[in-house]
């Protein structure tokens, strides 16, 4: 099990790197239901905050208010989360993704947790264009997957059990 976790992380890293080399970030497609522009594959945060997607991202980011007590606790215990990597699986057409992911980034910004996320956007068939995601076993969006030392330590799927920051805290304080 441990070996497969390392292989998965290595695979995602090299897939991510290869797409970056080929200019494979922020690919747009047409949504099969609404006809609107959506993102698929590897996505940068800048693409979520700019152009077509800016209105919902900015609104949901602005309206999310992370729990300050949990933030303080996490800031005090930064050793819990400094070594984690995060893979965010979302869909720009999904209302739940729009709300949860904008809020998640606001939480990460408040935590000063930068550069730890890989973002992958899906179409309505839960495919990520050229990005292979089968091993991630995505059944619901959004899905936020946490890794430490190459191993998955937890995930938030759909809506958080409590809040984004409480769920984050519970995940990073276990499995050390």
C-alpha atoms as a PDB file:
ATOM      1  CA  UNK A   1       0.000   0.000   0.000  1.00  0.00           C
ATOM      2  CA  UNK A   2       2.781   2.409   0.898  1.00  0.00           C
ATOM      3  CA  UNK A   3       4.573   1.802  -2.418  1.00  0.00           C
ATOM      4  CA  UNK A   4       1.434   2.485  -4.427  1.00  0.00           C
ATOM      5  CA  UNK A   5       0.966   5.792  -2.601  1.00  0.00           C
ATOM      6  CA  UNK A   6       4.473   6.868  -3.584  1.00  0.00           C
ATOM      7  CA  UNK A   7       3.875   5.809  -7.157  1.00  0.00           C
ATOM      8  CA  UNK A   8       0.617   7.756  -7.254  1.00  0.00           C
ATOM      9  CA  UNK A   9       2.296  10.935  -5.990  1.00  0.00           C
ATOM     10  CA  UNK A  10       5.189  10.511  -8.415  1.00  0.00           C
ATOM     11  CA  UNK A  11       2.749   9.871 -11.247  1.00  0.00           C
ATOM     12  CA  UNK A  12       0.695  12.985 -10.417  1.00  0.00           C
ATOM     13  CA  UNK A  13       3.841  15.096 -10.085  1.00  0.00           C
ATOM     14  CA  UNK A  14       5.272  13.980 -13.416  1.00  0.00           C
ATOM     15  CA  UNK A  15       1.893  14.286 -15.153  1.00  0.00           C
ATOM     16  CA  UNK A  16       1.610  17.795 -13.705  1.00  0.00           C
ATOM     17  CA  UNK A  17       5.157  18.633 -14.841  1.00  0.00           C
ATOM     18  CA  UNK A  18       4.626  17.169 -18.321  1.00  0.00           C
ATOM     19  CA  UNK A  19       1.449  19.162 -18.823  1.00  0.00           C
ATOM     20  CA  UNK A  20       3.237  22.329 -17.715  1.00  0.00           C
ATOM     21  CA  UNK A  21       5.949  21.637 -20.295  1.00  0.00           C
ATOM     22  CA  UNK A  22       3.318  21.248 -23.014  1.00  0.00           C
ATOM     23  CA  UNK A  23       1.359  24.329 -21.954  1.00  0.00           C
ATOM     24  CA  UNK A  24      -1.421  22.025 -20.707  1.00  0.00           C
ATOM     25  CA  UNK A  25      -2.804  24.263 -17.981  1.00  0.00           C
ATOM     26  CA  UNK A  26      -6.177  25.999 -17.996  1.00  0.00           C
ATOM     27  CA  UNK A  27      -7.674  24.165 -20.950  1.00  0.00           C
ATOM     28  CA  UNK A  28     -11.165  25.334 -21.762  1.00  0.00           C
ATOM     29  CA  UNK A  29     -14.011  23.242 -23.071  1.00  0.00           C
ATOM     30  CA  UNK A  30     -17.719  23.767 -23.658  1.00  0.00           C
ATOM     31  CA  UNK A  31     -20.047  22.392 -20.995  1.00  0.00           C
ATOM     32  CA  UNK A  32     -22.285  19.701 -22.486  1.00  0.00           C
ATOM     33  CA  UNK A  33     -25.340  20.958 -20.563  1.00  0.00           C
ATOM     34  CA  UNK A  34     -25.134  24.757 -20.347  1.00  0.00           C
ATOM     35  CA  UNK A  35     -22.925  25.503 -23.342  1.00  0.00           C
ATOM     36  CA  UNK A  36     -20.777  27.685 -21.073  1.00  0.00           C
ATOM     37  CA  UNK A  37     -17.006  27.673 -20.995  1.00  0.00           C
ATOM     38  CA  UNK A  38     -15.517  25.315 -18.387  1.00  0.00           C
ATOM     39  CA  UNK A  39     -11.986  24.384 -17.400  1.00  0.00           C
ATOM     40  CA  UNK A  40     -10.651  20.823 -17.649  1.00  0.00           C
ATOM     41  CA  UNK A  41      -7.371  19.233 -16.641  1.00  0.00           C
ATOM     42  CA  UNK A  42      -4.725  21.035 -14.610  1.00  0.00           C
ATOM     43  CA  UNK A  43      -5.879  24.480 -13.600  1.00  0.00           C
ATOM     44  CA  UNK A  44      -4.087  27.430 -12.064  1.00  0.00           C
ATOM     45  CA  UNK A  45      -5.664  29.463  -9.339  1.00  0.00           C
ATOM     46  CA  UNK A  46      -5.201  32.540 -11.519  1.00  0.00           C
ATOM     47  CA  UNK A  47      -7.589  31.048 -14.081  1.00  0.00           C
ATOM     48  CA  UNK A  48     -10.261  30.663 -11.394  1.00  0.00           C
ATOM     49  CA  UNK A  49      -9.826  34.257 -10.309  1.00  0.00           C
ATOM     50  CA  UNK A  50      -9.747  35.719 -13.800  1.00  0.00           C
ATOM     51  CA  UNK A  51     -11.990  36.287 -16.780  1.00  0.00           C
ATOM     52  CA  UNK A  52     -15.013  33.999 -17.091  1.00  0.00           C
ATOM     53  CA  UNK A  53     -14.825  32.480 -13.612  1.00  0.00           C
ATOM     54  CA  UNK A  54     -13.964  35.626 -11.649  1.00  0.00           C
ATOM     55  CA  UNK A  55     -17.509  36.572 -10.656  1.00  0.00           C
ATOM     56  CA  UNK A  56     -18.367  33.382  -8.781  1.00  0.00           C
ATOM     57  CA  UNK A  57     -14.866  32.860  -7.393  1.00  0.00           C
ATOM     58  CA  UNK A  58     -14.602  36.420  -6.036  1.00  0.00           C
ATOM     59  CA  UNK A  59     -18.119  36.372  -4.585  1.00  0.00           C
ATOM     60  CA  UNK A  60     -17.698  33.011  -2.820  1.00  0.00           C
ATOM     61  CA  UNK A  61     -14.191  33.893  -1.630  1.00  0.00           C
ATOM     62  CA  UNK A  62     -15.426  37.173  -0.175  1.00  0.00           C
ATOM     63  CA  UNK A  63     -18.436  35.552   1.521  1.00  0.00           C
ATOM     64  CA  UNK A  64     -16.512  32.728   3.207  1.00  0.00           C
ATOM     65  CA  UNK A  65     -15.426  33.462   6.781  1.00  0.00           C
ATOM     66  CA  UNK A  66     -12.994  30.886   8.190  1.00  0.00           C
ATOM     67  CA  UNK A  67     -13.274  30.053  11.884  1.00  0.00           C
ATOM     68  CA  UNK A  68     -10.648  32.249  13.548  1.00  0.00           C
ATOM     69  CA  UNK A  69     -10.234  29.910  16.523  1.00  0.00           C
ATOM     70  CA  UNK A  70      -9.352  26.999  14.251  1.00  0.00           C
ATOM     71  CA  UNK A  71      -7.008  29.224  12.223  1.00  0.00           C
ATOM     72  CA  UNK A  72      -5.228  30.300  15.415  1.00  0.00           C
ATOM     73  CA  UNK A  73      -4.855  26.697  16.518  1.00  0.00           C
ATOM     74  CA  UNK A  74      -3.460  25.720  13.110  1.00  0.00           C
ATOM     75  CA  UNK A  75      -1.057  28.680  13.095  1.00  0.00           C
ATOM     76  CA  UNK A  76       0.200  27.609  16.510  1.00  0.00           C
ATOM     77  CA  UNK A  77       0.740  24.056  15.245  1.00  0.00           C
ATOM     78  CA  UNK A  78       2.044  24.711  11.740  1.00  0.00           C
ATOM     79  CA  UNK A  79       4.166  21.548  11.973  1.00  0.00           C
ATOM     80  CA  UNK A  80       0.905  19.653  11.400  1.00  0.00           C
ATOM     81  CA  UNK A  81       0.403  21.024   7.903  1.00  0.00           C
ATOM     82  CA  UNK A  82       3.677  22.452   6.586  1.00  0.00           C
ATOM     83  CA  UNK A  83       4.672  19.154   4.952  1.00  0.00           C
ATOM     84  CA  UNK A  84       1.347  18.297   3.312  1.00  0.00           C
ATOM     85  CA  UNK A  85       0.448  18.455  -0.371  1.00  0.00           C
ATOM     86  CA  UNK A  86      -3.110  18.955  -1.523  1.00  0.00           C
ATOM     87  CA  UNK A  87      -4.874  17.868  -4.712  1.00  0.00           C
ATOM     88  CA  UNK A  88      -8.116  19.723  -5.380  1.00  0.00           C
ATOM     89  CA  UNK A  89     -10.541  18.015  -7.745  1.00  0.00           C
ATOM     90  CA  UNK A  90     -13.334  20.353  -8.823  1.00  0.00           C
ATOM     91  CA  UNK A  91     -15.605  21.374 -11.675  1.00  0.00           C
ATOM     92  CA  UNK A  92     -16.152  24.963 -12.754  1.00  0.00           C
ATOM     93  CA  UNK A  93     -19.728  24.049 -13.757  1.00  0.00           C
ATOM     94  CA  UNK A  94     -20.569  22.735 -10.261  1.00  0.00           C
ATOM     95  CA  UNK A  95     -22.211  25.056  -7.751  1.00  0.00           C
ATOM     96  CA  UNK A  96     -20.801  23.037  -4.844  1.00  0.00           C
ATOM     97  CA  UNK A  97     -17.264  23.289  -6.280  1.00  0.00           C
ATOM     98  CA  UNK A  98     -17.659  27.013  -6.794  1.00  0.00           C
ATOM     99  CA  UNK A  99     -18.636  27.572  -3.164  1.00  0.00           C
ATOM    100  CA  UNK A 100     -16.317  25.089  -1.430  1.00  0.00           C
ATOM    101  CA  UNK A 101     -13.158  25.692  -3.451  1.00  0.00           C
ATOM    102  CA  UNK A 102     -13.303  29.492  -3.264  1.00  0.00           C
ATOM    103  CA  UNK A 103     -13.835  29.139   0.503  1.00  0.00           C
ATOM    104  CA  UNK A 104     -10.995  26.620   0.749  1.00  0.00           C
ATOM    105  CA  UNK A 105      -8.590  29.037  -0.925  1.00  0.00           C
ATOM    106  CA  UNK A 106      -9.663  31.832   1.392  1.00  0.00           C
ATOM    107  CA  UNK A 107      -8.975  29.524   4.333  1.00  0.00           C
ATOM    108  CA  UNK A 108      -5.542  28.599   2.914  1.00  0.00           C
ATOM    109  CA  UNK A 109      -4.750  32.288   2.343  1.00  0.00           C
ATOM    110  CA  UNK A 110      -5.695  33.108   5.936  1.00  0.00           C
ATOM    111  CA  UNK A 111      -3.495  30.229   7.067  1.00  0.00           C
ATOM    112  CA  UNK A 112      -0.674  31.518   4.836  1.00  0.00           C
ATOM    113  CA  UNK A 113      -0.457  28.069   3.293  1.00  0.00           C
ATOM    114  CA  UNK A 114       0.784  28.800  -0.212  1.00  0.00           C
ATOM    115  CA  UNK A 115       1.956  26.651  -3.090  1.00  0.00           C
ATOM    116  CA  UNK A 116       0.701  23.333  -1.767  1.00  0.00           C
ATOM    117  CA  UNK A 117      -2.216  22.730  -4.149  1.00  0.00           C
ATOM    118  CA  UNK A 118      -2.574  20.989  -7.456  1.00  0.00           C
ATOM    119  CA  UNK A 119      -5.960  21.807  -8.987  1.00  0.00           C
ATOM    120  CA  UNK A 120      -7.645  19.485 -11.467  1.00  0.00           C
ATOM    121  CA  UNK A 121     -10.946  20.443 -13.130  1.00  0.00           C
ATOM    122  CA  UNK A 122     -13.428  17.880 -14.437  1.00  0.00           C
ATOM    123  CA  UNK A 123     -16.157  17.836 -17.036  1.00  0.00           C
ATOM    124  CA  UNK A 124     -19.646  16.476 -16.326  1.00  0.00           C
ATOM    125  CA  UNK A 125     -18.505  12.900 -16.939  1.00  0.00           C
ATOM    126  CA  UNK A 126     -15.880  13.416 -14.193  1.00  0.00           C
ATOM    127  CA  UNK A 127     -13.047  13.345 -16.723  1.00  0.00           C
ATOM    128  CA  UNK A 128     -10.083  15.703 -16.598  1.00  0.00           C
ATOM    129  CA  UNK A 129      -9.215  15.895 -20.276  1.00  0.00           C
ATOM    130  CA  UNK A 130      -5.631  14.648 -20.717  1.00  0.00           C
ATOM    131  CA  UNK A 131      -5.027  14.254 -16.973  1.00  0.00           C
ATOM    132  CA  UNK A 132      -5.341  10.653 -15.744  1.00  0.00           C
ATOM    133  CA  UNK A 133      -7.294  10.601 -12.491  1.00  0.00           C
ATOM    134  CA  UNK A 134      -8.579   7.019 -12.307  1.00  0.00           C
ATOM    135  CA  UNK A 135      -6.319   6.067  -9.389  1.00  0.00           C
ATOM    136  CA  UNK A 136      -7.744   8.935  -7.338  1.00  0.00           C
ATOM    137  CA  UNK A 137     -11.151   7.213  -7.318  1.00  0.00           C
ATOM    138  CA  UNK A 138     -13.213  10.385  -7.539  1.00  0.00           C
ATOM    139  CA  UNK A 139     -16.906   9.798  -6.902  1.00  0.00           C
ATOM    140  CA  UNK A 140     -17.983  13.266  -5.827  1.00  0.00           C
ATOM    141  CA  UNK A 141     -16.949  16.837  -6.490  1.00  0.00           C
ATOM    142  CA  UNK A 142     -15.371  18.748  -5.107  1.00  0.00           C
ATOM    143  CA  UNK A 143     -12.839  16.401  -3.554  1.00  0.00           C
ATOM    144  CA  UNK A 144      -9.852  17.746  -1.644  1.00  0.00           C
ATOM    145  CA  UNK A 145      -7.170  15.108  -1.066  1.00  0.00           C
ATOM    146  CA  UNK A 146      -4.389  15.531   1.497  1.00  0.00           C
ATOM    147  CA  UNK A 147      -0.995  13.817   1.198  1.00  0.00           C
ATOM    148  CA  UNK A 148       1.906  13.563   3.616  1.00  0.00           C
ATOM    149  CA  UNK A 149       5.161  11.864   2.593  1.00  0.00           C
ATOM    150  CA  UNK A 150       3.476  10.686  -0.592  1.00  0.00           C
ATOM    151  CA  UNK A 151       0.618   8.935   1.181  1.00  0.00           C
ATOM    152  CA  UNK A 152      -3.006  10.001   1.246  1.00  0.00           C
ATOM    153  CA  UNK A 153      -3.978  10.961   4.794  1.00  0.00           C
ATOM    154  CA  UNK A 154      -7.544  12.062   4.183  1.00  0.00           C
ATOM    155  CA  UNK A 155     -10.041  13.838   1.985  1.00  0.00           C
ATOM    156  CA  UNK A 156     -12.935  16.227   2.067  1.00  0.00           C
ATOM    157  CA  UNK A 157     -15.602  15.161  -0.427  1.00  0.00           C
ATOM    158  CA  UNK A 158     -18.586  17.243  -1.450  1.00  0.00           C
ATOM    159  CA  UNK A 159     -19.416  19.359   1.539  1.00  0.00           C
ATOM    160  CA  UNK A 160     -17.273  19.290   4.694  1.00  0.00           C
ATOM    161  CA  UNK A 161     -18.457  17.246   7.664  1.00  0.00           C
ATOM    162  CA  UNK A 162     -18.112  20.292   9.946  1.00  0.00           C
ATOM    163  CA  UNK A 163     -16.337  23.190   8.185  1.00  0.00           C
ATOM    164  CA  UNK A 164     -13.465  23.280   5.712  1.00  0.00           C
ATOM    165  CA  UNK A 165     -11.020  24.374   8.407  1.00  0.00           C
ATOM    166  CA  UNK A 166     -12.271  21.890  11.055  1.00  0.00           C
ATOM    167  CA  UNK A 167     -12.090  19.010   8.591  1.00  0.00           C
ATOM    168  CA  UNK A 168      -8.623  20.166   7.462  1.00  0.00           C
ATOM    169  CA  UNK A 169      -7.472  20.290  11.093  1.00  0.00           C
ATOM    170  CA  UNK A 170      -8.826  16.811  11.879  1.00  0.00           C
ATOM    171  CA  UNK A 171      -7.110  15.366   8.815  1.00  0.00           C
ATOM    172  CA  UNK A 172      -3.692  16.941   9.393  1.00  0.00           C
ATOM    173  CA  UNK A 173      -3.548  16.217  13.134  1.00  0.00           C
ATOM    174  CA  UNK A 174      -4.157  12.505  12.608  1.00  0.00           C
ATOM    175  CA  UNK A 175      -1.931  10.213  10.585  1.00  0.00           C
ATOM    176  CA  UNK A 176       1.375  11.739  11.677  1.00  0.00           C
END
